[in-house]
């Protein structure tokens, strides 16, 4: 019953980072289809927030 624990050497190896990055890319693609009047307000805010998650995971 001996299990070997493996630790990530880099934040990019973390599953939570990979999921956050994948989600950020999906959010970016989906937000491209939003109306033009949302381009500078809602779209920008949502994109920055999704990138922030990846940045916070990497920083931690």
PDB file of N, CA and C in Angstrom:
ATOM      1  N   UNK A   1       0.822  -1.180   0.000  1.00  0.00           N
ATOM      2  CA  UNK A   1       0.000   0.000   0.000  1.00  0.00           C
ATOM      3  C   UNK A   1       0.870   1.249   0.000  1.00  0.00           C
ATOM      4  N   UNK A   2       2.026   1.117  -0.506  1.00  0.00           N
ATOM      5  CA  UNK A   2       2.955   2.234  -0.578  1.00  0.00           C
ATOM      6  C   UNK A   2       2.704   3.032  -1.852  1.00  0.00           C
ATOM      7  N   UNK A   3       2.248   4.279  -1.676  1.00  0.00           N
ATOM      8  CA  UNK A   3       2.014   5.147  -2.817  1.00  0.00           C
ATOM      9  C   UNK A   3       3.103   6.199  -2.872  1.00  0.00           C
ATOM     10  N   UNK A   4       3.605   6.407  -4.054  1.00  0.00           N
ATOM     11  CA  UNK A   4       4.643   7.415  -4.244  1.00  0.00           C
ATOM     12  C   UNK A   4       3.980   8.745  -4.598  1.00  0.00           C
ATOM     13  N   UNK A   5       4.258   9.758  -3.813  1.00  0.00           N
ATOM     14  CA  UNK A   5       3.723  11.080  -4.082  1.00  0.00           C
ATOM     15  C   UNK A   5       4.609  11.804  -5.079  1.00  0.00           C
ATOM     16  N   UNK A   6       3.985  12.403  -6.048  1.00  0.00           N
ATOM     17  CA  UNK A   6       4.727  13.191  -7.024  1.00  0.00           C
ATOM     18  C   UNK A   6       4.334  14.646  -6.870  1.00  0.00           C
ATOM     19  N   UNK A   7       5.308  15.503  -6.840  1.00  0.00           N
ATOM     20  CA  UNK A   7       5.066  16.926  -6.712  1.00  0.00           C
ATOM     21  C   UNK A   7       5.387  17.610  -8.032  1.00  0.00           C
ATOM     22  N   UNK A   8       4.630  18.632  -8.310  1.00  0.00           N
ATOM     23  CA  UNK A   8       4.861  19.401  -9.534  1.00  0.00           C
ATOM     24  C   UNK A   8       6.150  20.204  -9.388  1.00  0.00           C
ATOM     25  N   UNK A   9       6.961  20.175 -10.416  1.00  0.00           N
ATOM     26  CA  UNK A   9       8.202  20.956 -10.408  1.00  0.00           C
ATOM     27  C   UNK A   9       7.959  22.375 -10.896  1.00  0.00           C
ATOM     28  N   UNK A  10       6.848  22.540 -11.596  1.00  0.00           N
ATOM     29  CA  UNK A  10       6.530  23.821 -12.210  1.00  0.00           C
ATOM     30  C   UNK A  10       5.024  24.028 -12.091  1.00  0.00           C
ATOM     31  N   UNK A  11       4.588  25.268 -11.962  1.00  0.00           N
ATOM     32  CA  UNK A  11       3.157  25.527 -11.814  1.00  0.00           C
ATOM     33  C   UNK A  11       2.364  25.068 -13.033  1.00  0.00           C
ATOM     34  N   UNK A  12       2.998  24.999 -14.183  1.00  0.00           N
ATOM     35  CA  UNK A  12       2.300  24.571 -15.397  1.00  0.00           C
ATOM     36  C   UNK A  12       1.953  23.086 -15.366  1.00  0.00           C
ATOM     37  N   UNK A  13       2.548  22.346 -14.465  1.00  0.00           N
ATOM     38  CA  UNK A  13       2.233  20.926 -14.309  1.00  0.00           C
ATOM     39  C   UNK A  13       1.009  20.702 -13.429  1.00  0.00           C
ATOM     40  N   UNK A  14       0.576  21.730 -12.720  1.00  0.00           N
ATOM     41  CA  UNK A  14      -0.575  21.603 -11.835  1.00  0.00           C
ATOM     42  C   UNK A  14      -1.858  21.492 -12.646  1.00  0.00           C
ATOM     43  N   UNK A  15      -2.690  20.525 -12.295  1.00  0.00           N
ATOM     44  CA  UNK A  15      -3.955  20.322 -12.999  1.00  0.00           C
ATOM     45  C   UNK A  15      -4.842  21.561 -12.885  1.00  0.00           C
ATOM     46  N   UNK A  16      -4.852  22.193 -11.723  1.00  0.00           N
ATOM     47  CA  UNK A  16      -5.692  23.376 -11.530  1.00  0.00           C
ATOM     48  C   UNK A  16      -5.241  24.515 -12.450  1.00  0.00           C
ATOM     49  N   UNK A  17      -3.938  24.659 -12.663  1.00  0.00           N
ATOM     50  CA  UNK A  17      -3.444  25.681 -13.591  1.00  0.00           C
ATOM     51  C   UNK A  17      -3.858  25.348 -15.019  1.00  0.00           C
ATOM     52  N   UNK A  18      -3.710  24.103 -15.393  1.00  0.00           N
ATOM     53  CA  UNK A  18      -4.071  23.688 -16.747  1.00  0.00           C
ATOM     54  C   UNK A  18      -5.556  23.929 -17.017  1.00  0.00           C
ATOM     55  N   UNK A  19      -6.409  23.628 -16.033  1.00  0.00           N
ATOM     56  CA  UNK A  19      -7.845  23.869 -16.190  1.00  0.00           C
ATOM     57  C   UNK A  19      -8.149  25.360 -16.271  1.00  0.00           C
ATOM     58  N   UNK A  20      -7.476  26.157 -15.469  1.00  0.00           N
ATOM     59  CA  UNK A  20      -7.683  27.600 -15.487  1.00  0.00           C
ATOM     60  C   UNK A  20      -7.244  28.183 -16.829  1.00  0.00           C
ATOM     61  N   UNK A  21      -6.127  27.724 -17.352  1.00  0.00           N
ATOM     62  CA  UNK A  21      -5.635  28.209 -18.635  1.00  0.00           C
ATOM     63  C   UNK A  21      -6.590  27.822 -19.764  1.00  0.00           C
ATOM     64  N   UNK A  22      -7.042  26.576 -19.735  1.00  0.00           N
ATOM     65  CA  UNK A  22      -7.984  26.114 -20.752  1.00  0.00           C
ATOM     66  C   UNK A  22      -9.286  26.920 -20.682  1.00  0.00           C
ATOM     67  N   UNK A  23      -9.746  27.187 -19.492  1.00  0.00           N
ATOM     68  CA  UNK A  23     -10.963  27.996 -19.318  1.00  0.00           C
ATOM     69  C   UNK A  23     -10.759  29.414 -19.828  1.00  0.00           C
ATOM     70  N   UNK A  24      -9.601  29.990 -19.557  1.00  0.00           N
ATOM     71  CA  UNK A  24      -9.310  31.350 -20.032  1.00  0.00           C
ATOM     72  C   UNK A  24      -9.326  31.410 -21.551  1.00  0.00           C
ATOM     73  N   UNK A  25      -8.798  30.382 -22.201  1.00  0.00           N
ATOM     74  CA  UNK A  25      -8.804  30.343 -23.665  1.00  0.00           C
ATOM     75  C   UNK A  25     -10.232  30.205 -24.201  1.00  0.00           C
ATOM     76  N   UNK A  26     -11.047  29.407 -23.534  1.00  0.00           N
ATOM     77  CA  UNK A  26     -12.438  29.262 -23.953  1.00  0.00           C
ATOM     78  C   UNK A  26     -13.210  30.569 -23.756  1.00  0.00           C
ATOM     79  N   UNK A  27     -12.954  31.237 -22.649  1.00  0.00           N
ATOM     80  CA  UNK A  27     -13.605  32.518 -22.385  1.00  0.00           C
ATOM     81  C   UNK A  27     -13.219  33.533 -23.450  1.00  0.00           C
ATOM     82  N   UNK A  28     -11.952  33.550 -23.818  1.00  0.00           N
ATOM     83  CA  UNK A  28     -11.501  34.474 -24.860  1.00  0.00           C
ATOM     84  C   UNK A  28     -12.239  34.207 -26.177  1.00  0.00           C
ATOM     85  N   UNK A  29     -12.315  32.948 -26.562  1.00  0.00           N
ATOM     86  CA  UNK A  29     -12.988  32.603 -27.822  1.00  0.00           C
ATOM     87  C   UNK A  29     -14.476  32.940 -27.766  1.00  0.00           C
ATOM     88  N   UNK A  30     -15.128  32.633 -26.663  1.00  0.00           N
ATOM     89  CA  UNK A  30     -16.555  32.935 -26.540  1.00  0.00           C
ATOM     90  C   UNK A  30     -16.818  34.439 -26.537  1.00  0.00           C
ATOM     91  N   UNK A  31     -15.947  35.188 -25.882  1.00  0.00           N
ATOM     92  CA  UNK A  31     -16.163  36.633 -25.782  1.00  0.00           C
ATOM     93  C   UNK A  31     -15.944  37.351 -27.115  1.00  0.00           C
ATOM     94  N   UNK A  32     -15.297  36.699 -28.050  1.00  0.00           N
ATOM     95  CA  UNK A  32     -15.126  37.293 -29.390  1.00  0.00           C
ATOM     96  C   UNK A  32     -16.466  37.425 -30.102  1.00  0.00           C
ATOM     97  N   UNK A  33     -17.451  36.630 -29.686  1.00  0.00           N
ATOM     98  CA  UNK A  33     -18.760  36.618 -30.334  1.00  0.00           C
ATOM     99  C   UNK A  33     -19.742  37.597 -29.685  1.00  0.00           C
ATOM    100  N   UNK A  34     -19.327  38.265 -28.630  1.00  0.00           N
ATOM    101  CA  UNK A  34     -20.218  39.210 -27.957  1.00  0.00           C
ATOM    102  C   UNK A  34     -20.416  40.449 -28.822  1.00  0.00           C
ATOM    103  N   UNK A  35     -21.463  41.194 -28.552  1.00  0.00           N
ATOM    104  CA  UNK A  35     -21.743  42.398 -29.353  1.00  0.00           C
ATOM    105  C   UNK A  35     -20.615  43.424 -29.265  1.00  0.00           C
ATOM    106  N   UNK A  36     -20.420  44.179 -30.341  1.00  0.00           N
ATOM    107  CA  UNK A  36     -19.333  45.168 -30.377  1.00  0.00           C
ATOM    108  C   UNK A  36     -19.420  46.223 -29.272  1.00  0.00           C
ATOM    109  N   UNK A  37     -20.634  46.559 -28.840  1.00  0.00           N
ATOM    110  CA  UNK A  37     -20.753  47.587 -27.802  1.00  0.00           C
ATOM    111  C   UNK A  37     -20.208  47.118 -26.451  1.00  0.00           C
ATOM    112  N   UNK A  38     -20.006  45.821 -26.306  1.00  0.00           N
ATOM    113  CA  UNK A  38     -19.432  45.286 -25.068  1.00  0.00           C
ATOM    114  C   UNK A  38     -17.914  45.157 -25.152  1.00  0.00           C
ATOM    115  N   UNK A  39     -17.351  45.499 -26.277  1.00  0.00           N
ATOM    116  CA  UNK A  39     -15.927  45.258 -26.530  1.00  0.00           C
ATOM    117  C   UNK A  39     -15.013  45.848 -25.476  1.00  0.00           C
ATOM    118  N   UNK A  40     -15.278  47.068 -25.040  1.00  0.00           N
ATOM    119  CA  UNK A  40     -14.337  47.731 -24.138  1.00  0.00           C
ATOM    120  C   UNK A  40     -14.730  47.669 -22.680  1.00  0.00           C
ATOM    121  N   UNK A  41     -15.908  47.195 -22.374  1.00  0.00           N
ATOM    122  CA  UNK A  41     -16.291  47.156 -20.969  1.00  0.00           C
ATOM    123  C   UNK A  41     -16.348  45.719 -20.457  1.00  0.00           C
ATOM    124  N   UNK A  42     -17.425  45.041 -20.745  1.00  0.00           N
ATOM    125  CA  UNK A  42     -17.619  43.693 -20.218  1.00  0.00           C
ATOM    126  C   UNK A  42     -16.587  42.706 -20.759  1.00  0.00           C
ATOM    127  N   UNK A  43     -16.319  42.744 -22.045  1.00  0.00           N
ATOM    128  CA  UNK A  43     -15.377  41.801 -22.648  1.00  0.00           C
ATOM    129  C   UNK A  43     -13.995  41.927 -22.022  1.00  0.00           C
ATOM    130  N   UNK A  44     -13.515  43.142 -21.912  1.00  0.00           N
ATOM    131  CA  UNK A  44     -12.186  43.368 -21.343  1.00  0.00           C
ATOM    132  C   UNK A  44     -12.128  42.905 -19.893  1.00  0.00           C
ATOM    133  N   UNK A  45     -13.158  43.208 -19.135  1.00  0.00           N
ATOM    134  CA  UNK A  45     -13.183  42.838 -17.716  1.00  0.00           C
ATOM    135  C   UNK A  45     -13.185  41.322 -17.541  1.00  0.00           C
ATOM    136  N   UNK A  46     -13.980  40.616 -18.320  1.00  0.00           N
ATOM    137  CA  UNK A  46     -14.060  39.159 -18.213  1.00  0.00           C
ATOM    138  C   UNK A  46     -12.742  38.519 -18.635  1.00  0.00           C
ATOM    139  N   UNK A  47     -12.140  39.023 -19.701  1.00  0.00           N
ATOM    140  CA  UNK A  47     -10.857  38.465 -20.153  1.00  0.00           C
ATOM    141  C   UNK A  47      -9.760  38.674 -19.120  1.00  0.00           C
ATOM    142  N   UNK A  48      -9.696  39.863 -18.542  1.00  0.00           N
ATOM    143  CA  UNK A  48      -8.675  40.128 -17.522  1.00  0.00           C
ATOM    144  C   UNK A  48      -8.888  39.253 -16.301  1.00  0.00           C
ATOM    145  N   UNK A  49     -10.123  39.054 -15.910  1.00  0.00           N
ATOM    146  CA  UNK A  49     -10.420  38.211 -14.750  1.00  0.00           C
ATOM    147  C   UNK A  49     -10.001  36.765 -14.992  1.00  0.00           C
ATOM    148  N   UNK A  50     -10.246  36.260 -16.191  1.00  0.00           N
ATOM    149  CA  UNK A  50      -9.875  34.871 -16.475  1.00  0.00           C
ATOM    150  C   UNK A  50      -8.359  34.695 -16.491  1.00  0.00           C
ATOM    151  N   UNK A  51      -7.640  35.687 -16.992  1.00  0.00           N
ATOM    152  CA  UNK A  51      -6.169  35.611 -16.972  1.00  0.00           C
ATOM    153  C   UNK A  51      -5.637  35.758 -15.556  1.00  0.00           C
ATOM    154  N   UNK A  52      -6.339  36.493 -14.743  1.00  0.00           N
ATOM    155  CA  UNK A  52      -5.913  36.712 -13.361  1.00  0.00           C
ATOM    156  C   UNK A  52      -5.867  35.405 -12.578  1.00  0.00           C
ATOM    157  N   UNK A  53      -6.789  34.505 -12.859  1.00  0.00           N
ATOM    158  CA  UNK A  53      -6.810  33.217 -12.157  1.00  0.00           C
ATOM    159  C   UNK A  53      -5.504  32.475 -12.412  1.00  0.00           C
ATOM    160  N   UNK A  54      -5.089  32.398 -13.662  1.00  0.00           N
ATOM    161  CA  UNK A  54      -3.825  31.730 -14.006  1.00  0.00           C
ATOM    162  C   UNK A  54      -2.638  32.414 -13.332  1.00  0.00           C
ATOM    163  N   UNK A  55      -2.647  33.729 -13.350  1.00  0.00           N
ATOM    164  CA  UNK A  55      -1.552  34.473 -12.728  1.00  0.00           C
ATOM    165  C   UNK A  55      -1.471  34.251 -11.234  1.00  0.00           C
ATOM    166  N   UNK A  56      -2.603  34.203 -10.578  1.00  0.00           N
ATOM    167  CA  UNK A  56      -2.613  33.975  -9.127  1.00  0.00           C
ATOM    168  C   UNK A  56      -2.148  32.568  -8.775  1.00  0.00           C
ATOM    169  N   UNK A  57      -2.521  31.595  -9.572  1.00  0.00           N
ATOM    170  CA  UNK A  57      -2.044  30.224  -9.328  1.00  0.00           C
ATOM    171  C   UNK A  57      -0.541  30.157  -9.509  1.00  0.00           C
ATOM    172  N   UNK A  58      -0.031  30.763 -10.565  1.00  0.00           N
ATOM    173  CA  UNK A  58       1.410  30.748 -10.819  1.00  0.00           C
ATOM    174  C   UNK A  58       2.175  31.453  -9.708  1.00  0.00           C
ATOM    175  N   UNK A  59       1.619  32.551  -9.222  1.00  0.00           N
ATOM    176  CA  UNK A  59       2.293  33.318  -8.177  1.00  0.00           C
ATOM    177  C   UNK A  59       2.341  32.560  -6.857  1.00  0.00           C
ATOM    178  N   UNK A  60       1.280  31.806  -6.583  1.00  0.00           N
ATOM    179  CA  UNK A  60       1.220  31.046  -5.322  1.00  0.00           C
ATOM    180  C   UNK A  60       2.245  29.933  -5.346  1.00  0.00           C
TER     181      UNK A  60
END
